[in-house]
Amino acid sequence: MIHAGFTTRRTMAKLKSGDASSNRGVDEMREIEVALDFTPNALASLMYRQGDTVVLTCVTKADRLPRWFPRDAERGWVHAEYALLPGSTNTRFRRERNGAKGRTQEIERLVARSLRGAVDLEELGPIALTVDCDILNADGGTRCASITAASLALRLAVRRLIASGDCLPKEKRLSREEIKKGVKAPELSEAERSAHEMAVMPNDVGALSVGMVAGEVRTDLDYILDSNADVDMNVVMTSDGGFVEVQGTGEEATYTRKELDAMIDAATVGISELHTFQTSILSDAS
């Protein structure tokens, strides 16, 4: 099923141009569509489209915690991987077969720490989750779209782990001896499942690209706007208003404190809309 929000007129910008015009208002976000459970094998998956940027996000559960965790660890871990697929850009993007390159590693770390900023790893328990973000089509803002999509997929995965009895409150978790003896995990009531989900993931996390283009603050930069931006900024926020990261760069210009505040204000408004959208998408998902 496809869910849509933020109805806007979409642009079809693909190649760098000196024309930074757009059919969108300066504070108008691109259209967003989400298809839940896009692939059947992952614990949770979705196809996320923001304008012409398209991300396939999948969450999988590992058999064990990372090797560097203590053997008796009671806290979990969330890892992320990111990749531009060969057909995602206007010329073929070569697969990184010899390991992730610098930009890819930077984005993977950003996505992972953004997700961990919204998750209580102690409440998650000894569970290791990997969130894969594969870019099917890139039209600006791929790292931001990946974070917003990953948050959706991660919450759905946590909800399912709780429903299956794999993720329980600390006081209800089985000991290793009980698990070996085949003791069944206790079933939680609907209210207990909802409360535990909010304990594990008390916030959603969203991200948005903003910038200064032709002297104006623009929200949700596509490729054309990003290519023509004097200042490019990525902002990551949790749904309780906390900042995970602010990355701002003057490409060929400096920017003032007033412009910095204006860009952060624009991002805050847009990300608040993203959080509302995230809640609505998963309101009846299971």
C-alpha atoms as a PDB file:
ATOM      1  CA  MET A   1       0.000   0.000   0.000  1.00  0.00           C
ATOM      2  CA  ILE A   2       1.316   3.436  -0.889  1.00  0.00           C
ATOM      3  CA  HIS A   3       0.893   6.332   1.528  1.00  0.00           C
ATOM      4  CA  ALA A   4       1.333   9.848   0.248  1.00  0.00           C
ATOM      5  CA  GLY A   5       1.755  13.186   1.953  1.00  0.00           C
ATOM      6  CA  PHE A   6       2.904  16.766   1.384  1.00  0.00           C
ATOM      7  CA  THR A   7       1.102  17.136  -1.913  1.00  0.00           C
ATOM      8  CA  THR A   8       3.200  19.471  -4.040  1.00  0.00           C
ATOM      9  CA  ARG A   9       4.114  20.018  -7.653  1.00  0.00           C
ATOM     10  CA  ARG A  10       7.140  17.867  -8.385  1.00  0.00           C
ATOM     11  CA  THR A  11      10.195  19.012 -10.289  1.00  0.00           C
ATOM     12  CA  MET A  12      12.139  16.791 -12.659  1.00  0.00           C
ATOM     13  CA  ALA A  13      15.583  18.300 -12.117  1.00  0.00           C
ATOM     14  CA  LYS A  14      18.357  15.910 -13.116  1.00  0.00           C
ATOM     15  CA  LEU A  15      21.369  17.812 -14.443  1.00  0.00           C
ATOM     16  CA  LYS A  16      23.328  20.700 -13.016  1.00  0.00           C
ATOM     17  CA  SER A  17      22.178  24.013 -14.410  1.00  0.00           C
ATOM     18  CA  GLY A  18      22.655  27.710 -13.833  1.00  0.00           C
ATOM     19  CA  ASP A  19      18.878  28.029 -13.500  1.00  0.00           C
ATOM     20  CA  ALA A  20      17.966  27.529  -9.846  1.00  0.00           C
ATOM     21  CA  SER A  21      14.252  28.138 -10.369  1.00  0.00           C
ATOM     22  CA  SER A  22      11.698  25.720  -8.942  1.00  0.00           C
ATOM     23  CA  ASN A  23       7.964  25.220  -9.094  1.00  0.00           C
ATOM     24  CA  ARG A  24       7.957  24.897  -5.298  1.00  0.00           C
ATOM     25  CA  GLY A  25       7.713  27.714  -2.809  1.00  0.00           C
ATOM     26  CA  VAL A  26      10.875  28.454  -0.841  1.00  0.00           C
ATOM     27  CA  ASP A  27       9.491  26.628   2.215  1.00  0.00           C
ATOM     28  CA  GLU A  28       7.586  23.942   0.291  1.00  0.00           C
ATOM     29  CA  MET A  29       8.775  20.349   0.625  1.00  0.00           C
ATOM     30  CA  ARG A  30       8.826  17.758  -2.106  1.00  0.00           C
ATOM     31  CA  GLU A  31       6.060  15.177  -2.368  1.00  0.00           C
ATOM     32  CA  ILE A  32       6.644  12.118  -0.183  1.00  0.00           C
ATOM     33  CA  GLU A  33       5.381   8.591  -0.797  1.00  0.00           C
ATOM     34  CA  VAL A  34       5.989   5.450   1.270  1.00  0.00           C
ATOM     35  CA  ALA A  35       5.287   1.813   0.413  1.00  0.00           C
ATOM     36  CA  LEU A  36       5.553  -0.420   3.493  1.00  0.00           C
ATOM     37  CA  ASP A  37       6.827  -4.018   3.320  1.00  0.00           C
ATOM     38  CA  PHE A  38       8.261  -3.496  -0.130  1.00  0.00           C
ATOM     39  CA  THR A  39      10.403  -6.645   0.174  1.00  0.00           C
ATOM     40  CA  PRO A  40       9.152  -9.757   2.024  1.00  0.00           C
ATOM     41  CA  ASN A  41      12.345 -11.146   3.571  1.00  0.00           C
ATOM     42  CA  ALA A  42      13.394  -8.263   5.827  1.00  0.00           C
ATOM     43  CA  LEU A  43      12.054  -7.802   9.340  1.00  0.00           C
ATOM     44  CA  ALA A  44      10.759  -4.444   8.077  1.00  0.00           C
ATOM     45  CA  SER A  45      11.183  -2.738   4.729  1.00  0.00           C
ATOM     46  CA  LEU A  46       9.844   0.233   2.817  1.00  0.00           C
ATOM     47  CA  MET A  47      10.258   2.192  -0.368  1.00  0.00           C
ATOM     48  CA  TYR A  48      10.582   5.891   0.409  1.00  0.00           C
ATOM     49  CA  ARG A  49      10.242   8.542  -2.282  1.00  0.00           C
ATOM     50  CA  GLN A  50      10.919  12.237  -1.625  1.00  0.00           C
ATOM     51  CA  GLY A  51      10.509  14.060  -4.903  1.00  0.00           C
ATOM     52  CA  ASP A  52      12.672  12.081  -7.311  1.00  0.00           C
ATOM     53  CA  THR A  53      14.974  10.723  -4.606  1.00  0.00           C
ATOM     54  CA  VAL A  54      14.042   7.085  -3.950  1.00  0.00           C
ATOM     55  CA  VAL A  55      15.375   4.954  -1.081  1.00  0.00           C
ATOM     56  CA  LEU A  56      14.828   1.251  -0.400  1.00  0.00           C
ATOM     57  CA  THR A  57      15.238   0.682   3.344  1.00  0.00           C
ATOM     58  CA  CYS A  58      15.407  -2.749   4.996  1.00  0.00           C
ATOM     59  CA  VAL A  59      15.912  -3.740   8.642  1.00  0.00           C
ATOM     60  CA  THR A  60      17.325  -7.151   9.524  1.00  0.00           C
ATOM     61  CA  LYS A  61      18.064  -8.788  12.880  1.00  0.00           C
ATOM     62  CA  ALA A  62      21.452 -10.458  13.363  1.00  0.00           C
ATOM     63  CA  ASP A  63      21.845 -13.842  15.035  1.00  0.00           C
ATOM     64  CA  ARG A  64      24.076 -12.332  17.700  1.00  0.00           C
ATOM     65  CA  LEU A  65      25.499  -9.076  18.978  1.00  0.00           C
ATOM     66  CA  PRO A  66      28.704  -7.693  17.420  1.00  0.00           C
ATOM     67  CA  ARG A  67      31.861  -9.550  18.453  1.00  0.00           C
ATOM     68  CA  TRP A  68      33.159  -6.564  20.368  1.00  0.00           C
ATOM     69  CA  PHE A  69      30.173  -6.639  22.766  1.00  0.00           C
ATOM     70  CA  PRO A  70      30.626  -8.321  26.190  1.00  0.00           C
ATOM     71  CA  ARG A  71      29.262 -11.881  26.256  1.00  0.00           C
ATOM     72  CA  ASP A  72      26.699 -11.013  28.933  1.00  0.00           C
ATOM     73  CA  ALA A  73      25.621  -7.706  27.344  1.00  0.00           C
ATOM     74  CA  GLU A  74      22.043  -6.671  28.002  1.00  0.00           C
ATOM     75  CA  ARG A  75      21.995  -3.726  25.616  1.00  0.00           C
ATOM     76  CA  GLY A  76      21.513  -3.801  21.873  1.00  0.00           C
ATOM     77  CA  TRP A  77      23.031  -2.156  18.830  1.00  0.00           C
ATOM     78  CA  VAL A  78      21.820  -0.420  15.673  1.00  0.00           C
ATOM     79  CA  HIS A  79      24.087  -0.329  12.624  1.00  0.00           C
ATOM     80  CA  ALA A  80      23.439   1.251   9.222  1.00  0.00           C
ATOM     81  CA  GLU A  81      24.748   0.789   5.707  1.00  0.00           C
ATOM     82  CA  TYR A  82      24.208   3.067   2.712  1.00  0.00           C
ATOM     83  CA  ALA A  83      24.807   2.659  -0.998  1.00  0.00           C
ATOM     84  CA  LEU A  84      24.154   4.468  -4.242  1.00  0.00           C
ATOM     85  CA  LEU A  85      23.056   1.828  -6.742  1.00  0.00           C
ATOM     86  CA  PRO A  86      24.466   1.849 -10.304  1.00  0.00           C
ATOM     87  CA  GLY A  87      21.337   3.315 -11.919  1.00  0.00           C
ATOM     88  CA  SER A  88      20.709   5.940  -9.263  1.00  0.00           C
ATOM     89  CA  THR A  89      22.593   8.751 -11.048  1.00  0.00           C
ATOM     90  CA  ASN A  90      22.573  10.122 -14.600  1.00  0.00           C
ATOM     91  CA  THR A  91      25.792   8.205 -15.331  1.00  0.00           C
ATOM     92  CA  ARG A  92      26.352   4.716 -13.943  1.00  0.00           C
ATOM     93  CA  PHE A  93      27.590   4.759 -10.360  1.00  0.00           C
ATOM     94  CA  ARG A  94      30.222   2.036  -9.939  1.00  0.00           C
ATOM     95  CA  ARG A  95      29.655  -0.451  -7.142  1.00  0.00           C
ATOM     96  CA  GLU A  96      32.056  -0.093  -4.233  1.00  0.00           C
ATOM     97  CA  ARG A  97      33.276  -3.677  -4.336  1.00  0.00           C
ATOM     98  CA  ASN A  98      36.461  -3.057  -2.369  1.00  0.00           C
ATOM     99  CA  GLY A  99      34.720  -1.473   0.590  1.00  0.00           C
ATOM    100  CA  ALA A 100      32.814   1.713   1.248  1.00  0.00           C
ATOM    101  CA  LYS A 101      34.566   4.916   0.188  1.00  0.00           C
ATOM    102  CA  GLY A 102      34.901   8.049   2.283  1.00  0.00           C
ATOM    103  CA  ARG A 103      31.576   9.699   1.402  1.00  0.00           C
ATOM    104  CA  THR A 104      29.687   6.437   1.847  1.00  0.00           C
ATOM    105  CA  GLN A 105      31.314   5.775   5.232  1.00  0.00           C
ATOM    106  CA  GLU A 106      30.472   9.304   6.361  1.00  0.00           C
ATOM    107  CA  ILE A 107      26.799   8.856   5.446  1.00  0.00           C
ATOM    108  CA  GLU A 108      26.602   5.395   7.029  1.00  0.00           C
ATOM    109  CA  ARG A 109      27.935   6.773  10.302  1.00  0.00           C
ATOM    110  CA  LEU A 110      25.516   9.702  10.133  1.00  0.00           C
ATOM    111  CA  VAL A 111      22.498   7.440   9.562  1.00  0.00           C
ATOM    112  CA  ALA A 112      23.561   5.041  12.330  1.00  0.00           C
ATOM    113  CA  ARG A 113      24.202   7.660  14.985  1.00  0.00           C
ATOM    114  CA  SER A 114      20.976   9.448  14.018  1.00  0.00           C
ATOM    115  CA  LEU A 115      19.025   6.252  14.654  1.00  0.00           C
ATOM    116  CA  ARG A 116      20.865   5.524  17.892  1.00  0.00           C
ATOM    117  CA  GLY A 117      19.955   9.066  18.986  1.00  0.00           C
ATOM    118  CA  ALA A 118      16.301   7.996  18.928  1.00  0.00           C
ATOM    119  CA  VAL A 119      16.697   4.511  20.489  1.00  0.00           C
ATOM    120  CA  ASP A 120      17.287   3.416  24.083  1.00  0.00           C
ATOM    121  CA  LEU A 121      19.699   0.515  23.530  1.00  0.00           C
ATOM    122  CA  GLU A 122      19.220  -0.743  27.097  1.00  0.00           C
ATOM    123  CA  GLU A 123      15.470  -1.045  26.534  1.00  0.00           C
ATOM    124  CA  LEU A 124      16.059  -2.699  23.153  1.00  0.00           C
ATOM    125  CA  GLY A 125      17.926  -5.475  24.923  1.00  0.00           C
ATOM    126  CA  PRO A 126      20.587  -7.793  23.455  1.00  0.00           C
ATOM    127  CA  ILE A 127      19.470  -7.396  19.853  1.00  0.00           C
ATOM    128  CA  ALA A 128      21.576  -6.243  16.892  1.00  0.00           C
ATOM    129  CA  LEU A 129      19.764  -4.580  14.008  1.00  0.00           C
ATOM    130  CA  THR A 130      21.149  -3.476  10.650  1.00  0.00           C
ATOM    131  CA  VAL A 131      19.357  -0.818   8.633  1.00  0.00           C
ATOM    132  CA  ASP A 132      20.266  -0.840   4.935  1.00  0.00           C
ATOM    133  CA  CYS A 133      19.548   2.254   2.840  1.00  0.00           C
ATOM    134  CA  ASP A 134      19.989   1.723  -0.905  1.00  0.00           C
ATOM    135  CA  ILE A 135      19.473   4.720  -3.162  1.00  0.00           C
ATOM    136  CA  LEU A 136      17.542   3.705  -6.274  1.00  0.00           C
ATOM    137  CA  ASN A 137      17.379   7.240  -7.657  1.00  0.00           C
ATOM    138  CA  ALA A 138      19.329  10.276  -6.461  1.00  0.00           C
ATOM    139  CA  ASP A 139      17.934  13.780  -6.905  1.00  0.00           C
ATOM    140  CA  GLY A 140      19.402  15.538  -3.886  1.00  0.00           C
ATOM    141  CA  GLY A 141      19.057  14.962  -0.149  1.00  0.00           C
ATOM    142  CA  THR A 142      19.848  11.242  -0.238  1.00  0.00           C
ATOM    143  CA  ARG A 143      21.378  11.129   3.257  1.00  0.00           C
ATOM    144  CA  CYS A 144      18.465  13.065   4.740  1.00  0.00           C
ATOM    145  CA  ALA A 145      15.872  10.903   2.992  1.00  0.00           C
ATOM    146  CA  SER A 146      17.745   7.813   4.199  1.00  0.00           C
ATOM    147  CA  ILE A 147      17.550   8.953   7.827  1.00  0.00           C
ATOM    148  CA  THR A 148      13.833   9.721   7.671  1.00  0.00           C
ATOM    149  CA  ALA A 149      13.100   6.422   5.909  1.00  0.00           C
ATOM    150  CA  ALA A 150      15.364   4.450   8.269  1.00  0.00           C
ATOM    151  CA  SER A 151      13.536   5.824  11.298  1.00  0.00           C
ATOM    152  CA  LEU A 152      10.222   4.618   9.880  1.00  0.00           C
ATOM    153  CA  ALA A 153      11.587   1.166   9.115  1.00  0.00           C
ATOM    154  CA  LEU A 154      13.321   0.864  12.485  1.00  0.00           C
ATOM    155  CA  ARG A 155      10.162   1.671  14.440  1.00  0.00           C
ATOM    156  CA  LEU A 156       8.215  -0.895  12.455  1.00  0.00           C
ATOM    157  CA  ALA A 157      10.949  -3.472  13.117  1.00  0.00           C
ATOM    158  CA  VAL A 158      10.923  -2.717  16.870  1.00  0.00           C
ATOM    159  CA  ARG A 159       7.137  -3.015  16.921  1.00  0.00           C
ATOM    160  CA  ARG A 160       7.371  -6.443  15.319  1.00  0.00           C
ATOM    161  CA  LEU A 161      10.130  -7.643  17.635  1.00  0.00           C
ATOM    162  CA  ILE A 162       7.966  -6.694  20.594  1.00  0.00           C
ATOM    163  CA  ALA A 163       4.927  -8.453  19.115  1.00  0.00           C
ATOM    164  CA  SER A 164       6.948 -11.647  18.527  1.00  0.00           C
ATOM    165  CA  GLY A 165       8.347 -11.655  22.082  1.00  0.00           C
ATOM    166  CA  ASP A 166      11.929 -11.083  20.946  1.00  0.00           C
ATOM    167  CA  CYS A 167      12.088  -7.638  22.542  1.00  0.00           C
ATOM    168  CA  LEU A 168      10.752  -7.492  26.090  1.00  0.00           C
ATOM    169  CA  PRO A 169      10.969  -5.121  29.051  1.00  0.00           C
ATOM    170  CA  LYS A 170      13.941  -5.839  31.301  1.00  0.00           C
ATOM    171  CA  GLU A 171      11.848  -7.363  34.068  1.00  0.00           C
ATOM    172  CA  LYS A 172      10.180  -9.815  31.676  1.00  0.00           C
ATOM    173  CA  ARG A 173      13.223 -11.015  29.708  1.00  0.00           C
ATOM    174  CA  LEU A 174      14.107 -14.680  29.902  1.00  0.00           C
ATOM    175  CA  SER A 175      17.472 -15.749  31.268  1.00  0.00           C
ATOM    176  CA  ARG A 176      19.851 -17.753  29.075  1.00  0.00           C
ATOM    177  CA  GLU A 177      19.023 -20.847  31.124  1.00  0.00           C
ATOM    178  CA  GLU A 178      15.290 -20.338  30.589  1.00  0.00           C
ATOM    179  CA  ILE A 179      15.820 -19.904  26.863  1.00  0.00           C
ATOM    180  CA  LYS A 180      17.859 -23.131  26.718  1.00  0.00           C
ATOM    181  CA  LYS A 181      15.079 -24.965  28.571  1.00  0.00           C
ATOM    182  CA  GLY A 182      12.555 -23.753  26.001  1.00  0.00           C
ATOM    183  CA  VAL A 183      10.589 -21.493  28.334  1.00  0.00           C
ATOM    184  CA  LYS A 184       8.116 -19.431  26.352  1.00  0.00           C
ATOM    185  CA  ALA A 185       8.432 -15.674  26.409  1.00  0.00           C
ATOM    186  CA  PRO A 186       5.591 -13.916  28.241  1.00  0.00           C
ATOM    187  CA  GLU A 187       2.937 -12.290  26.096  1.00  0.00           C
ATOM    188  CA  LEU A 188       2.434  -8.573  26.498  1.00  0.00           C
ATOM    189  CA  SER A 189      -0.913  -6.865  26.425  1.00  0.00           C
ATOM    190  CA  GLU A 190      -1.558  -4.269  23.755  1.00  0.00           C
ATOM    191  CA  ALA A 191      -0.956  -1.500  26.296  1.00  0.00           C
ATOM    192  CA  GLU A 192       2.301  -3.128  27.437  1.00  0.00           C
ATOM    193  CA  ARG A 193       3.502  -3.501  23.843  1.00  0.00           C
ATOM    194  CA  SER A 194       2.767   0.150  23.116  1.00  0.00           C
ATOM    195  CA  ALA A 195       4.495   1.292  26.301  1.00  0.00           C
ATOM    196  CA  HIS A 196       7.562  -0.819  25.586  1.00  0.00           C
ATOM    197  CA  GLU A 197       7.802   0.476  22.012  1.00  0.00           C
ATOM    198  CA  MET A 198       7.928   4.017  23.372  1.00  0.00           C
ATOM    199  CA  ALA A 199      10.545   2.943  25.921  1.00  0.00           C
ATOM    200  CA  VAL A 200      12.731   1.409  23.193  1.00  0.00           C
ATOM    201  CA  MET A 201      12.192   4.202  20.704  1.00  0.00           C
ATOM    202  CA  PRO A 202      10.916   7.252  22.554  1.00  0.00           C
ATOM    203  CA  ASN A 203      11.428   9.478  19.517  1.00  0.00           C
ATOM    204  CA  ASP A 204      11.360   9.389  15.769  1.00  0.00           C
ATOM    205  CA  VAL A 205      14.229  10.994  13.899  1.00  0.00           C
ATOM    206  CA  GLY A 206      14.037  12.969  10.670  1.00  0.00           C
ATOM    207  CA  ALA A 207      16.435  14.949   8.511  1.00  0.00           C
ATOM    208  CA  LEU A 208      16.147  17.698   5.951  1.00  0.00           C
ATOM    209  CA  SER A 209      18.406  19.587   3.586  1.00  0.00           C
ATOM    210  CA  VAL A 210      18.129  23.376   3.552  1.00  0.00           C
ATOM    211  CA  GLY A 211      20.298  26.052   2.022  1.00  0.00           C
ATOM    212  CA  MET A 212      20.845  29.542   0.688  1.00  0.00           C
ATOM    213  CA  VAL A 213      20.028  29.757  -3.012  1.00  0.00           C
ATOM    214  CA  ALA A 214      20.126  33.113  -4.807  1.00  0.00           C
ATOM    215  CA  GLY A 215      19.926  34.908  -1.471  1.00  0.00           C
ATOM    216  CA  GLU A 216      16.897  32.971  -0.218  1.00  0.00           C
ATOM    217  CA  VAL A 217      16.527  30.192   2.335  1.00  0.00           C
ATOM    218  CA  ARG A 218      15.225  27.113   0.535  1.00  0.00           C
ATOM    219  CA  THR A 219      13.790  23.983   2.135  1.00  0.00           C
ATOM    220  CA  ASP A 220      14.353  20.388   0.939  1.00  0.00           C
ATOM    221  CA  LEU A 221      16.982  20.880  -1.764  1.00  0.00           C
ATOM    222  CA  ASP A 222      16.741  18.754  -4.874  1.00  0.00           C
ATOM    223  CA  TYR A 223      19.761  18.312  -7.163  1.00  0.00           C
ATOM    224  CA  ILE A 224      19.321  21.560  -9.094  1.00  0.00           C
ATOM    225  CA  LEU A 225      18.857  23.633  -5.943  1.00  0.00           C
ATOM    226  CA  ASP A 226      21.735  21.874  -4.188  1.00  0.00           C
ATOM    227  CA  SER A 227      24.019  22.426  -7.187  1.00  0.00           C
ATOM    228  CA  ASN A 228      23.277  26.128  -7.142  1.00  0.00           C
ATOM    229  CA  ALA A 229      23.305  26.640  -3.374  1.00  0.00           C
ATOM    230  CA  ASP A 230      25.770  29.095  -1.855  1.00  0.00           C
ATOM    231  CA  VAL A 231      25.228  27.352   1.473  1.00  0.00           C
ATOM    232  CA  ASP A 232      24.142  23.735   1.954  1.00  0.00           C
ATOM    233  CA  MET A 233      22.999  22.443   5.342  1.00  0.00           C
ATOM    234  CA  ASN A 234      21.754  19.065   6.578  1.00  0.00           C
ATOM    235  CA  VAL A 235      19.818  19.060   9.847  1.00  0.00           C
ATOM    236  CA  VAL A 236      18.902  15.928  11.829  1.00  0.00           C
ATOM    237  CA  MET A 237      16.383  16.180  14.675  1.00  0.00           C
ATOM    238  CA  THR A 238      14.467  13.923  17.016  1.00  0.00           C
ATOM    239  CA  SER A 239      10.733  14.347  17.490  1.00  0.00           C
ATOM    240  CA  ASP A 240      11.219  15.879  20.954  1.00  0.00           C
ATOM    241  CA  GLY A 241      13.098  18.772  19.351  1.00  0.00           C
ATOM    242  CA  GLY A 242      16.643  17.597  20.001  1.00  0.00           C
ATOM    243  CA  PHE A 243      19.377  18.001  17.407  1.00  0.00           C
ATOM    244  CA  VAL A 244      21.447  14.991  16.411  1.00  0.00           C
ATOM    245  CA  GLU A 245      23.547  16.815  13.857  1.00  0.00           C
ATOM    246  CA  VAL A 246      23.818  20.089  11.942  1.00  0.00           C
ATOM    247  CA  GLN A 247      26.149  20.035   8.921  1.00  0.00           C
ATOM    248  CA  GLY A 248      26.452  23.409   7.233  1.00  0.00           C
ATOM    249  CA  THR A 249      28.924  24.419   4.541  1.00  0.00           C
ATOM    250  CA  GLY A 250      29.453  27.616   2.611  1.00  0.00           C
ATOM    251  CA  GLU A 251      30.159  26.284  -0.892  1.00  0.00           C
ATOM    252  CA  GLU A 252      31.479  29.471  -2.489  1.00  0.00           C
ATOM    253  CA  ALA A 253      30.345  31.986   0.076  1.00  0.00           C
ATOM    254  CA  THR A 254      30.170  32.683   3.771  1.00  0.00           C
ATOM    255  CA  TYR A 255      26.929  33.065   5.690  1.00  0.00           C
ATOM    256  CA  THR A 256      25.848  35.244   8.580  1.00  0.00           C
ATOM    257  CA  ARG A 257      24.515  34.268  11.985  1.00  0.00           C
ATOM    258  CA  LYS A 258      21.112  35.606  10.892  1.00  0.00           C
ATOM    259  CA  GLU A 259      21.148  33.344   7.809  1.00  0.00           C
ATOM    260  CA  LEU A 260      22.280  30.393   9.943  1.00  0.00           C
ATOM    261  CA  ASP A 261      19.344  30.912  12.305  1.00  0.00           C
ATOM    262  CA  ALA A 262      16.953  31.250   9.358  1.00  0.00           C
ATOM    263  CA  MET A 263      18.136  27.975   7.844  1.00  0.00           C
ATOM    264  CA  ILE A 264      17.834  26.119  11.142  1.00  0.00           C
ATOM    265  CA  ASP A 265      14.351  27.595  11.667  1.00  0.00           C
ATOM    266  CA  ALA A 266      13.300  26.419   8.197  1.00  0.00           C
ATOM    267  CA  ALA A 267      14.684  22.946   8.850  1.00  0.00           C
ATOM    268  CA  THR A 268      12.939  22.766  12.235  1.00  0.00           C
ATOM    269  CA  VAL A 269       9.557  23.536  10.677  1.00  0.00           C
ATOM    270  CA  GLY A 270      10.074  21.026   7.862  1.00  0.00           C
ATOM    271  CA  ILE A 271      11.320  18.235  10.130  1.00  0.00           C
ATOM    272  CA  SER A 272       8.349  18.755  12.432  1.00  0.00           C
ATOM    273  CA  GLU A 273       6.149  18.033   9.408  1.00  0.00           C
ATOM    274  CA  LEU A 274       8.221  14.934   8.694  1.00  0.00           C
ATOM    275  CA  HIS A 275       7.661  13.664  12.238  1.00  0.00           C
ATOM    276  CA  THR A 276       3.915  14.159  11.869  1.00  0.00           C
ATOM    277  CA  PHE A 277       4.076  12.269   8.585  1.00  0.00           C
ATOM    278  CA  GLN A 278       6.071   9.420  10.171  1.00  0.00           C
ATOM    279  CA  THR A 279       3.478   9.032  12.911  1.00  0.00           C
ATOM    280  CA  SER A 280       0.601   8.949  10.430  1.00  0.00           C
ATOM    281  CA  ILE A 281       2.282   6.344   8.215  1.00  0.00           C
ATOM    282  CA  LEU A 282       2.731   3.875  11.071  1.00  0.00           C
ATOM    283  CA  SER A 283      -0.441   4.669  12.994  1.00  0.00           C
ATOM    284  CA  ASP A 284      -2.082   1.365  12.048  1.00  0.00           C
ATOM    285  CA  ALA A 285       0.928  -0.627  10.786  1.00  0.00           C
ATOM    286  CA  SER A 286       1.873  -3.907  12.449  1.00  0.00           C
END
